[in-house]
Amino acid sequence: MSTSSDPAPSPEPEPGQEPLPAASVRRSRGRGHHAAAARRKSTVNAAKWVLIVAVLQVLFGLVMGFNTAKEADQAMQNLATMEDDDTLEIEGEEMTVAETRKLVQREKLQAFVFPIGLGVVFLALWFWARVSPLPALSSALVLFVSVHLLEAVVDPTSLARGIILKVFVIGGLIKGIKSALEQRAIDAHAEAEPAE
Protein backbone atom coordinates (compact mmCIF):
# COMPACT_ATOMS: atom_id res chain seq x y z
CA MET A 1 0.00 0.00 0.00
CA SER A 2 1.45 3.37 -1.03
CA THR A 3 1.48 6.42 1.20
CA SER A 4 1.68 10.12 0.40
CA SER A 5 5.43 10.04 1.15
CA ASP A 6 6.11 7.52 -1.66
CA PRO A 7 7.98 8.99 -4.66
CA ALA A 8 6.07 9.54 -7.92
CA PRO A 9 6.15 6.36 -10.06
CA SER A 10 8.52 6.31 -13.01
CA PRO A 11 6.94 6.04 -16.46
CA GLU A 12 6.35 2.45 -17.58
CA PRO A 13 9.18 1.23 -19.85
CA GLU A 14 8.49 -0.08 -23.33
CA PRO A 15 8.75 -3.91 -23.67
CA GLY A 16 12.43 -4.88 -23.77
CA GLN A 17 13.61 -1.55 -22.28
CA GLU A 18 15.18 -0.92 -18.90
CA PRO A 19 13.10 1.27 -16.57
CA LEU A 20 14.31 4.87 -16.29
CA PRO A 21 15.85 5.88 -12.96
CA ALA A 22 13.77 8.39 -10.98
CA ALA A 23 16.59 10.98 -11.17
CA SER A 24 16.47 10.85 -14.99
CA VAL A 25 12.71 11.41 -14.96
CA ARG A 26 13.16 14.41 -12.66
CA ARG A 27 15.86 15.86 -14.97
CA SER A 28 13.56 15.41 -17.96
CA ARG A 29 10.74 17.20 -16.18
CA GLY A 30 13.19 19.95 -15.17
CA ARG A 31 14.23 20.46 -18.80
CA GLY A 32 10.56 20.74 -19.79
CA HIS A 33 10.04 23.36 -17.09
CA HIS A 34 13.07 25.38 -18.31
CA ALA A 35 11.85 25.18 -21.92
CA ALA A 36 8.40 26.46 -20.88
CA ALA A 37 10.03 29.30 -18.91
CA ALA A 38 12.15 30.21 -21.98
CA ARG A 39 9.01 30.28 -24.17
CA ARG A 40 7.21 32.52 -21.67
CA LYS A 41 10.23 34.86 -21.52
CA SER A 42 10.32 35.05 -25.33
CA THR A 43 6.63 35.99 -25.57
CA VAL A 44 7.02 38.57 -22.77
CA ASN A 45 10.02 40.11 -24.60
CA ALA A 46 8.03 40.21 -27.84
CA ALA A 47 5.19 42.00 -26.04
CA LYS A 48 7.76 44.55 -24.80
CA TRP A 49 8.67 45.28 -28.43
CA VAL A 50 4.99 46.05 -29.09
CA LEU A 51 5.05 48.50 -26.16
CA ILE A 52 8.26 50.10 -27.47
CA VAL A 53 6.64 50.61 -30.90
CA ALA A 54 3.56 52.12 -29.22
CA VAL A 55 5.64 54.63 -27.23
CA LEU A 56 7.81 55.53 -30.25
CA GLN A 57 4.72 56.06 -32.42
CA VAL A 58 3.21 58.46 -29.88
CA LEU A 59 6.50 60.37 -29.47
CA PHE A 60 6.96 60.48 -33.25
CA GLY A 61 3.38 61.73 -33.62
CA LEU A 62 3.97 64.54 -31.16
CA VAL A 63 7.25 65.65 -32.78
CA MET A 64 5.86 65.38 -36.31
CA GLY A 65 2.62 67.06 -35.28
CA PHE A 66 4.33 70.07 -33.68
CA ASN A 67 6.70 70.46 -36.67
CA THR A 68 3.80 70.30 -39.12
CA ALA A 69 1.78 72.70 -36.98
CA LYS A 70 4.64 75.22 -37.09
CA GLU A 71 4.85 74.95 -40.90
CA ALA A 72 1.05 75.17 -41.18
CA ASP A 73 0.94 78.33 -39.07
CA GLN A 74 3.58 79.89 -41.32
CA ALA A 75 1.58 78.92 -44.42
CA MET A 76 -1.61 80.37 -42.92
CA GLN A 77 0.21 83.66 -42.26
CA ASN A 78 1.29 83.76 -45.91
CA LEU A 79 -2.31 83.09 -47.02
CA ALA A 80 -3.76 85.71 -44.66
CA THR A 81 -3.02 88.56 -47.08
CA MET A 82 -4.88 86.83 -49.98
CA GLU A 83 -8.57 86.71 -50.90
CA ASP A 84 -10.49 83.41 -50.62
CA ASP A 85 -11.21 83.23 -54.35
CA ASP A 86 -7.58 83.93 -55.42
CA THR A 87 -5.99 80.90 -57.10
CA LEU A 88 -2.67 79.21 -56.37
CA GLU A 89 -0.80 76.44 -58.15
CA ILE A 90 0.25 73.72 -55.68
CA GLU A 91 2.13 70.69 -57.04
CA GLY A 92 0.75 71.29 -60.54
CA GLU A 93 -2.85 71.73 -59.31
CA GLU A 94 -4.82 74.97 -59.23
CA MET A 95 -6.57 75.63 -55.93
CA THR A 96 -8.34 78.61 -54.45
CA VAL A 97 -6.90 80.19 -51.31
CA ALA A 98 -9.96 78.98 -49.35
CA GLU A 99 -9.29 75.38 -50.47
CA THR A 100 -5.61 75.74 -49.63
CA ARG A 101 -6.43 76.96 -46.12
CA LYS A 102 -8.66 73.89 -45.57
CA LEU A 103 -5.90 71.60 -46.89
CA VAL A 104 -3.30 73.15 -44.57
CA GLN A 105 -5.61 72.75 -41.54
CA ARG A 106 -6.38 69.12 -42.50
CA GLU A 107 -2.68 68.24 -42.86
CA LYS A 108 -1.98 69.88 -39.50
CA LEU A 109 -4.57 67.63 -37.83
CA GLN A 110 -3.50 64.47 -39.71
CA ALA A 111 0.11 64.94 -38.60
CA PHE A 112 -1.04 64.40 -35.00
CA VAL A 113 -3.91 61.93 -35.45
CA PHE A 114 -2.38 59.19 -37.64
CA PRO A 115 0.87 58.40 -35.76
CA ILE A 116 -0.65 58.88 -32.30
CA GLY A 117 -3.68 56.78 -33.29
CA LEU A 118 -1.30 54.06 -34.50
CA GLY A 119 0.54 54.25 -31.18
CA VAL A 120 -2.76 53.73 -29.33
CA VAL A 121 -3.49 50.64 -31.48
CA PHE A 122 -0.05 49.18 -30.64
CA LEU A 123 -0.67 49.95 -26.96
CA ALA A 124 -3.96 48.01 -27.14
CA LEU A 125 -2.08 45.13 -28.83
CA TRP A 126 0.45 45.17 -25.98
CA PHE A 127 -2.34 44.76 -23.40
CA TRP A 128 -3.86 41.97 -25.51
CA ALA A 129 -0.45 40.23 -25.86
CA ARG A 130 -0.25 39.88 -22.09
CA VAL A 131 -3.49 37.84 -22.14
CA SER A 132 -3.39 36.12 -25.54
CA PRO A 133 0.12 36.36 -27.05
CA LEU A 134 -0.28 34.56 -30.39
CA PRO A 135 -3.09 36.60 -32.03
CA ALA A 136 -1.84 39.88 -30.53
CA LEU A 137 1.78 39.42 -31.65
CA SER A 138 0.67 38.23 -35.11
CA SER A 139 -1.57 41.30 -35.48
CA ALA A 140 1.25 43.59 -34.30
CA LEU A 141 3.67 42.08 -36.85
CA VAL A 142 1.20 42.40 -39.75
CA LEU A 143 0.35 45.99 -38.78
CA PHE A 144 3.99 47.02 -38.29
CA VAL A 145 5.13 45.56 -41.64
CA SER A 146 2.07 46.91 -43.52
CA VAL A 147 2.52 50.45 -42.21
CA HIS A 148 6.19 50.56 -43.20
CA LEU A 149 5.55 49.02 -46.64
CA LEU A 150 2.80 51.59 -47.34
CA GLU A 151 5.12 54.35 -46.15
CA ALA A 152 7.83 53.02 -48.50
CA VAL A 153 5.39 53.15 -51.44
CA VAL A 154 4.80 56.87 -50.76
CA ASP A 155 8.45 57.60 -49.86
CA PRO A 156 10.96 54.82 -50.77
CA THR A 157 13.71 56.47 -48.68
CA SER A 158 11.63 55.87 -45.52
CA LEU A 159 12.42 52.13 -45.68
CA ALA A 160 16.07 52.76 -44.75
CA ARG A 161 15.23 55.17 -41.91
CA GLY A 162 15.43 53.40 -38.55
CA ILE A 163 16.25 50.10 -40.29
CA ILE A 164 18.09 48.68 -37.24
CA LEU A 165 15.10 49.28 -34.96
CA LYS A 166 12.73 47.82 -37.60
CA VAL A 167 14.85 44.65 -37.84
CA PHE A 168 14.92 44.26 -34.04
CA VAL A 169 11.14 44.77 -33.75
CA ILE A 170 10.35 42.29 -36.55
CA GLY A 171 12.85 39.74 -35.18
CA GLY A 172 11.49 40.07 -31.64
CA LEU A 173 7.89 39.67 -32.80
CA ILE A 174 8.70 36.62 -34.95
CA LYS A 175 10.56 34.98 -32.05
CA GLY A 176 7.61 35.65 -29.75
CA ILE A 177 5.14 34.22 -32.29
CA LYS A 178 7.26 31.04 -32.63
CA SER A 179 7.30 30.61 -28.83
CA ALA A 180 3.54 31.19 -28.60
CA LEU A 181 2.95 28.61 -31.37
CA GLU A 182 5.15 26.05 -29.57
CA GLN A 183 3.29 26.67 -26.31
CA ARG A 184 -0.08 26.33 -28.05
CA ALA A 185 0.98 23.00 -29.61
CA ILE A 186 2.19 21.70 -26.22
CA ASP A 187 -1.04 22.82 -24.51
CA ALA A 188 -3.14 21.15 -27.23
CA HIS A 189 -1.15 17.94 -26.89
CA ALA A 190 -1.55 17.98 -23.09
CA GLU A 191 -5.33 18.45 -23.42
CA ALA A 192 -5.56 15.61 -25.95
CA GLU A 193 -3.79 13.14 -23.64
CA PRO A 194 -6.26 10.92 -21.74
CA ALA A 195 -6.34 11.50 -17.98
CA GLU A 196 -4.84 8.65 -15.95
C-alpha atoms as a PDB file:
ATOM      1  CA  MET A   1       0.000   0.000   0.000  1.00  0.00           C
ATOM      2  CA  SER A   2       1.450   3.375  -1.025  1.00  0.00           C
ATOM      3  CA  THR A   3       1.479   6.417   1.198  1.00  0.00           C
ATOM      4  CA  SER A   4       1.679  10.117   0.402  1.00  0.00           C
ATOM      5  CA  SER A   5       5.427  10.038   1.145  1.00  0.00           C
ATOM      6  CA  ASP A   6       6.114   7.516  -1.660  1.00  0.00           C
ATOM      7  CA  PRO A   7       7.979   8.986  -4.655  1.00  0.00           C
ATOM      8  CA  ALA A   8       6.067   9.536  -7.925  1.00  0.00           C
ATOM      9  CA  PRO A   9       6.152   6.362 -10.058  1.00  0.00           C
ATOM     10  CA  SER A  10       8.516   6.310 -13.012  1.00  0.00           C
ATOM     11  CA  PRO A  11       6.936   6.039 -16.461  1.00  0.00           C
ATOM     12  CA  GLU A  12       6.351   2.451 -17.584  1.00  0.00           C
ATOM     13  CA  PRO A  13       9.182   1.226 -19.850  1.00  0.00           C
ATOM     14  CA  GLU A  14       8.489  -0.084 -23.331  1.00  0.00           C
ATOM     15  CA  PRO A  15       8.753  -3.906 -23.666  1.00  0.00           C
ATOM     16  CA  GLY A  16      12.429  -4.885 -23.774  1.00  0.00           C
ATOM     17  CA  GLN A  17      13.610  -1.546 -22.284  1.00  0.00           C
ATOM     18  CA  GLU A  18      15.176  -0.920 -18.902  1.00  0.00           C
ATOM     19  CA  PRO A  19      13.098   1.268 -16.565  1.00  0.00           C
ATOM     20  CA  LEU A  20      14.311   4.871 -16.289  1.00  0.00           C
ATOM     21  CA  PRO A  21      15.851   5.879 -12.960  1.00  0.00           C
ATOM     22  CA  ALA A  22      13.766   8.389 -10.976  1.00  0.00           C
ATOM     23  CA  ALA A  23      16.594  10.984 -11.171  1.00  0.00           C
ATOM     24  CA  SER A  24      16.471  10.845 -14.986  1.00  0.00           C
ATOM     25  CA  VAL A  25      12.707  11.407 -14.959  1.00  0.00           C
ATOM     26  CA  ARG A  26      13.158  14.410 -12.659  1.00  0.00           C
ATOM     27  CA  ARG A  27      15.856  15.860 -14.965  1.00  0.00           C
ATOM     28  CA  SER A  28      13.562  15.407 -17.964  1.00  0.00           C
ATOM     29  CA  ARG A  29      10.741  17.196 -16.176  1.00  0.00           C
ATOM     30  CA  GLY A  30      13.189  19.952 -15.171  1.00  0.00           C
ATOM     31  CA  ARG A  31      14.232  20.464 -18.798  1.00  0.00           C
ATOM     32  CA  GLY A  32      10.560  20.744 -19.788  1.00  0.00           C
ATOM     33  CA  HIS A  33      10.042  23.362 -17.091  1.00  0.00           C
ATOM     34  CA  HIS A  34      13.066  25.381 -18.311  1.00  0.00           C
ATOM     35  CA  ALA A  35      11.851  25.183 -21.924  1.00  0.00           C
ATOM     36  CA  ALA A  36       8.399  26.456 -20.883  1.00  0.00           C
ATOM     37  CA  ALA A  37      10.031  29.300 -18.914  1.00  0.00           C
ATOM     38  CA  ALA A  38      12.145  30.213 -21.978  1.00  0.00           C
ATOM     39  CA  ARG A  39       9.006  30.281 -24.169  1.00  0.00           C
ATOM     40  CA  ARG A  40       7.215  32.520 -21.668  1.00  0.00           C
ATOM     41  CA  LYS A  41      10.228  34.861 -21.519  1.00  0.00           C
ATOM     42  CA  SER A  42      10.320  35.049 -25.328  1.00  0.00           C
ATOM     43  CA  THR A  43       6.626  35.992 -25.574  1.00  0.00           C
ATOM     44  CA  VAL A  44       7.024  38.571 -22.766  1.00  0.00           C
ATOM     45  CA  ASN A  45      10.015  40.112 -24.596  1.00  0.00           C
ATOM     46  CA  ALA A  46       8.025  40.208 -27.845  1.00  0.00           C
ATOM     47  CA  ALA A  47       5.193  41.995 -26.036  1.00  0.00           C
ATOM     48  CA  LYS A  48       7.763  44.545 -24.798  1.00  0.00           C
ATOM     49  CA  TRP A  49       8.669  45.278 -28.435  1.00  0.00           C
ATOM     50  CA  VAL A  50       4.993  46.053 -29.086  1.00  0.00           C
ATOM     51  CA  LEU A  51       5.046  48.495 -26.160  1.00  0.00           C
ATOM     52  CA  ILE A  52       8.264  50.104 -27.469  1.00  0.00           C
ATOM     53  CA  VAL A  53       6.644  50.606 -30.900  1.00  0.00           C
ATOM     54  CA  ALA A  54       3.557  52.119 -29.219  1.00  0.00           C
ATOM     55  CA  VAL A  55       5.639  54.626 -27.225  1.00  0.00           C
ATOM     56  CA  LEU A  56       7.811  55.533 -30.247  1.00  0.00           C
ATOM     57  CA  GLN A  57       4.719  56.055 -32.416  1.00  0.00           C
ATOM     58  CA  VAL A  58       3.206  58.459 -29.883  1.00  0.00           C
ATOM     59  CA  LEU A  59       6.496  60.367 -29.473  1.00  0.00           C
ATOM     60  CA  PHE A  60       6.964  60.479 -33.254  1.00  0.00           C
ATOM     61  CA  GLY A  61       3.380  61.726 -33.620  1.00  0.00           C
ATOM     62  CA  LEU A  62       3.966  64.536 -31.158  1.00  0.00           C
ATOM     63  CA  VAL A  63       7.251  65.647 -32.779  1.00  0.00           C
ATOM     64  CA  MET A  64       5.864  65.377 -36.314  1.00  0.00           C
ATOM     65  CA  GLY A  65       2.621  67.064 -35.276  1.00  0.00           C
ATOM     66  CA  PHE A  66       4.334  70.068 -33.684  1.00  0.00           C
ATOM     67  CA  ASN A  67       6.702  70.462 -36.673  1.00  0.00           C
ATOM     68  CA  THR A  68       3.795  70.295 -39.125  1.00  0.00           C
ATOM     69  CA  ALA A  69       1.780  72.701 -36.978  1.00  0.00           C
ATOM     70  CA  LYS A  70       4.643  75.220 -37.095  1.00  0.00           C
ATOM     71  CA  GLU A  71       4.852  74.946 -40.904  1.00  0.00           C
ATOM     72  CA  ALA A  72       1.052  75.169 -41.179  1.00  0.00           C
ATOM     73  CA  ASP A  73       0.937  78.331 -39.070  1.00  0.00           C
ATOM     74  CA  GLN A  74       3.584  79.890 -41.320  1.00  0.00           C
ATOM     75  CA  ALA A  75       1.580  78.922 -44.420  1.00  0.00           C
ATOM     76  CA  MET A  76      -1.609  80.375 -42.921  1.00  0.00           C
ATOM     77  CA  GLN A  77       0.207  83.660 -42.263  1.00  0.00           C
ATOM     78  CA  ASN A  78       1.293  83.761 -45.915  1.00  0.00           C
ATOM     79  CA  LEU A  79      -2.305  83.090 -47.022  1.00  0.00           C
ATOM     80  CA  ALA A  80      -3.759  85.714 -44.661  1.00  0.00           C
ATOM     81  CA  THR A  81      -3.024  88.561 -47.084  1.00  0.00           C
ATOM     82  CA  MET A  82      -4.880  86.827 -49.980  1.00  0.00           C
ATOM     83  CA  GLU A  83      -8.565  86.706 -50.896  1.00  0.00           C
ATOM     84  CA  ASP A  84     -10.493  83.408 -50.615  1.00  0.00           C
ATOM     85  CA  ASP A  85     -11.207  83.231 -54.354  1.00  0.00           C
ATOM     86  CA  ASP A  86      -7.580  83.931 -55.416  1.00  0.00           C
ATOM     87  CA  THR A  87      -5.989  80.901 -57.099  1.00  0.00           C
ATOM     88  CA  LEU A  88      -2.675  79.207 -56.366  1.00  0.00           C
ATOM     89  CA  GLU A  89      -0.800  76.444 -58.147  1.00  0.00           C
ATOM     90  CA  ILE A  90       0.251  73.722 -55.681  1.00  0.00           C
ATOM     91  CA  GLU A  91       2.129  70.685 -57.039  1.00  0.00           C
ATOM     92  CA  GLY A  92       0.750  71.288 -60.540  1.00  0.00           C
ATOM     93  CA  GLU A  93      -2.850  71.735 -59.313  1.00  0.00           C
ATOM     94  CA  GLU A  94      -4.824  74.965 -59.232  1.00  0.00           C
ATOM     95  CA  MET A  95      -6.568  75.634 -55.927  1.00  0.00           C
ATOM     96  CA  THR A  96      -8.339  78.609 -54.446  1.00  0.00           C
ATOM     97  CA  VAL A  97      -6.897  80.190 -51.310  1.00  0.00           C
ATOM     98  CA  ALA A  98      -9.960  78.982 -49.348  1.00  0.00           C
ATOM     99  CA  GLU A  99      -9.294  75.375 -50.466  1.00  0.00           C
ATOM    100  CA  THR A 100      -5.611  75.743 -49.626  1.00  0.00           C
ATOM    101  CA  ARG A 101      -6.426  76.956 -46.115  1.00  0.00           C
ATOM    102  CA  LYS A 102      -8.662  73.891 -45.570  1.00  0.00           C
ATOM    103  CA  LEU A 103      -5.904  71.601 -46.894  1.00  0.00           C
ATOM    104  CA  VAL A 104      -3.302  73.148 -44.568  1.00  0.00           C
ATOM    105  CA  GLN A 105      -5.606  72.753 -41.542  1.00  0.00           C
ATOM    106  CA  ARG A 106      -6.379  69.121 -42.500  1.00  0.00           C
ATOM    107  CA  GLU A 107      -2.682  68.245 -42.859  1.00  0.00           C
ATOM    108  CA  LYS A 108      -1.978  69.885 -39.498  1.00  0.00           C
ATOM    109  CA  LEU A 109      -4.574  67.632 -37.833  1.00  0.00           C
ATOM    110  CA  GLN A 110      -3.505  64.475 -39.711  1.00  0.00           C
ATOM    111  CA  ALA A 111       0.112  64.936 -38.602  1.00  0.00           C
ATOM    112  CA  PHE A 112      -1.036  64.397 -35.002  1.00  0.00           C
ATOM    113  CA  VAL A 113      -3.905  61.934 -35.449  1.00  0.00           C
ATOM    114  CA  PHE A 114      -2.379  59.193 -37.635  1.00  0.00           C
ATOM    115  CA  PRO A 115       0.872  58.400 -35.764  1.00  0.00           C
ATOM    116  CA  ILE A 116      -0.653  58.884 -32.304  1.00  0.00           C
ATOM    117  CA  GLY A 117      -3.677  56.776 -33.292  1.00  0.00           C
ATOM    118  CA  LEU A 118      -1.300  54.064 -34.504  1.00  0.00           C
ATOM    119  CA  GLY A 119       0.535  54.253 -31.180  1.00  0.00           C
ATOM    120  CA  VAL A 120      -2.757  53.732 -29.327  1.00  0.00           C
ATOM    121  CA  VAL A 121      -3.486  50.645 -31.483  1.00  0.00           C
ATOM    122  CA  PHE A 122      -0.052  49.182 -30.637  1.00  0.00           C
ATOM    123  CA  LEU A 123      -0.673  49.951 -26.958  1.00  0.00           C
ATOM    124  CA  ALA A 124      -3.959  48.007 -27.139  1.00  0.00           C
ATOM    125  CA  LEU A 125      -2.084  45.129 -28.830  1.00  0.00           C
ATOM    126  CA  TRP A 126       0.453  45.168 -25.983  1.00  0.00           C
ATOM    127  CA  PHE A 127      -2.336  44.764 -23.400  1.00  0.00           C
ATOM    128  CA  TRP A 128      -3.857  41.969 -25.512  1.00  0.00           C
ATOM    129  CA  ALA A 129      -0.451  40.231 -25.862  1.00  0.00           C
ATOM    130  CA  ARG A 130      -0.254  39.879 -22.087  1.00  0.00           C
ATOM    131  CA  VAL A 131      -3.492  37.844 -22.142  1.00  0.00           C
ATOM    132  CA  SER A 132      -3.387  36.124 -25.540  1.00  0.00           C
ATOM    133  CA  PRO A 133       0.119  36.362 -27.053  1.00  0.00           C
ATOM    134  CA  LEU A 134      -0.283  34.559 -30.394  1.00  0.00           C
ATOM    135  CA  PRO A 135      -3.092  36.601 -32.030  1.00  0.00           C
ATOM    136  CA  ALA A 136      -1.845  39.876 -30.527  1.00  0.00           C
ATOM    137  CA  LEU A 137       1.780  39.418 -31.647  1.00  0.00           C
ATOM    138  CA  SER A 138       0.666  38.226 -35.106  1.00  0.00           C
ATOM    139  CA  SER A 139      -1.569  41.303 -35.477  1.00  0.00           C
ATOM    140  CA  ALA A 140       1.254  43.586 -34.301  1.00  0.00           C
ATOM    141  CA  LEU A 141       3.668  42.081 -36.846  1.00  0.00           C
ATOM    142  CA  VAL A 142       1.203  42.400 -39.752  1.00  0.00           C
ATOM    143  CA  LEU A 143       0.347  45.992 -38.779  1.00  0.00           C
ATOM    144  CA  PHE A 144       3.991  47.018 -38.293  1.00  0.00           C
ATOM    145  CA  VAL A 145       5.131  45.559 -41.641  1.00  0.00           C
ATOM    146  CA  SER A 146       2.066  46.907 -43.524  1.00  0.00           C
ATOM    147  CA  VAL A 147       2.517  50.455 -42.209  1.00  0.00           C
ATOM    148  CA  HIS A 148       6.185  50.564 -43.205  1.00  0.00           C
ATOM    149  CA  LEU A 149       5.548  49.025 -46.640  1.00  0.00           C
ATOM    150  CA  LEU A 150       2.796  51.586 -47.339  1.00  0.00           C
ATOM    151  CA  GLU A 151       5.117  54.353 -46.148  1.00  0.00           C
ATOM    152  CA  ALA A 152       7.827  53.020 -48.502  1.00  0.00           C
ATOM    153  CA  VAL A 153       5.388  53.148 -51.441  1.00  0.00           C
ATOM    154  CA  VAL A 154       4.803  56.867 -50.758  1.00  0.00           C
ATOM    155  CA  ASP A 155       8.445  57.603 -49.858  1.00  0.00           C
ATOM    156  CA  PRO A 156      10.955  54.819 -50.766  1.00  0.00           C
ATOM    157  CA  THR A 157      13.706  56.470 -48.680  1.00  0.00           C
ATOM    158  CA  SER A 158      11.631  55.867 -45.520  1.00  0.00           C
ATOM    159  CA  LEU A 159      12.422  52.135 -45.682  1.00  0.00           C
ATOM    160  CA  ALA A 160      16.069  52.764 -44.749  1.00  0.00           C
ATOM    161  CA  ARG A 161      15.226  55.170 -41.913  1.00  0.00           C
ATOM    162  CA  GLY A 162      15.425  53.405 -38.554  1.00  0.00           C
ATOM    163  CA  ILE A 163      16.246  50.102 -40.289  1.00  0.00           C
ATOM    164  CA  ILE A 164      18.094  48.685 -37.245  1.00  0.00           C
ATOM    165  CA  LEU A 165      15.103  49.283 -34.962  1.00  0.00           C
ATOM    166  CA  LYS A 166      12.734  47.821 -37.595  1.00  0.00           C
ATOM    167  CA  VAL A 167      14.851  44.647 -37.839  1.00  0.00           C
ATOM    168  CA  PHE A 168      14.919  44.263 -34.036  1.00  0.00           C
ATOM    169  CA  VAL A 169      11.141  44.773 -33.752  1.00  0.00           C
ATOM    170  CA  ILE A 170      10.348  42.287 -36.553  1.00  0.00           C
ATOM    171  CA  GLY A 171      12.850  39.740 -35.180  1.00  0.00           C
ATOM    172  CA  GLY A 172      11.492  40.071 -31.643  1.00  0.00           C
ATOM    173  CA  LEU A 173       7.892  39.673 -32.802  1.00  0.00           C
ATOM    174  CA  ILE A 174       8.704  36.618 -34.954  1.00  0.00           C
ATOM    175  CA  LYS A 175      10.555  34.981 -32.050  1.00  0.00           C
ATOM    176  CA  GLY A 176       7.610  35.648 -29.747  1.00  0.00           C
ATOM    177  CA  ILE A 177       5.141  34.223 -32.289  1.00  0.00           C
ATOM    178  CA  LYS A 178       7.260  31.036 -32.627  1.00  0.00           C
ATOM    179  CA  SER A 179       7.299  30.611 -28.833  1.00  0.00           C
ATOM    180  CA  ALA A 180       3.541  31.194 -28.604  1.00  0.00           C
ATOM    181  CA  LEU A 181       2.946  28.612 -31.372  1.00  0.00           C
ATOM    182  CA  GLU A 182       5.146  26.054 -29.574  1.00  0.00           C
ATOM    183  CA  GLN A 183       3.295  26.665 -26.312  1.00  0.00           C
ATOM    184  CA  ARG A 184      -0.082  26.331 -28.049  1.00  0.00           C
ATOM    185  CA  ALA A 185       0.980  23.003 -29.606  1.00  0.00           C
ATOM    186  CA  ILE A 186       2.190  21.702 -26.217  1.00  0.00           C
ATOM    187  CA  ASP A 187      -1.041  22.824 -24.512  1.00  0.00           C
ATOM    188  CA  ALA A 188      -3.144  21.154 -27.234  1.00  0.00           C
ATOM    189  CA  HIS A 189      -1.147  17.937 -26.885  1.00  0.00           C
ATOM    190  CA  ALA A 190      -1.552  17.979 -23.088  1.00  0.00           C
ATOM    191  CA  GLU A 191      -5.326  18.454 -23.419  1.00  0.00           C
ATOM    192  CA  ALA A 192      -5.561  15.610 -25.951  1.00  0.00           C
ATOM    193  CA  GLU A 193      -3.786  13.143 -23.636  1.00  0.00           C
ATOM    194  CA  PRO A 194      -6.257  10.916 -21.736  1.00  0.00           C
ATOM    195  CA  ALA A 195      -6.340  11.504 -17.983  1.00  0.00           C
ATOM    196  CA  GLU A 196      -4.844   8.648 -15.947  1.00  0.00           C
END
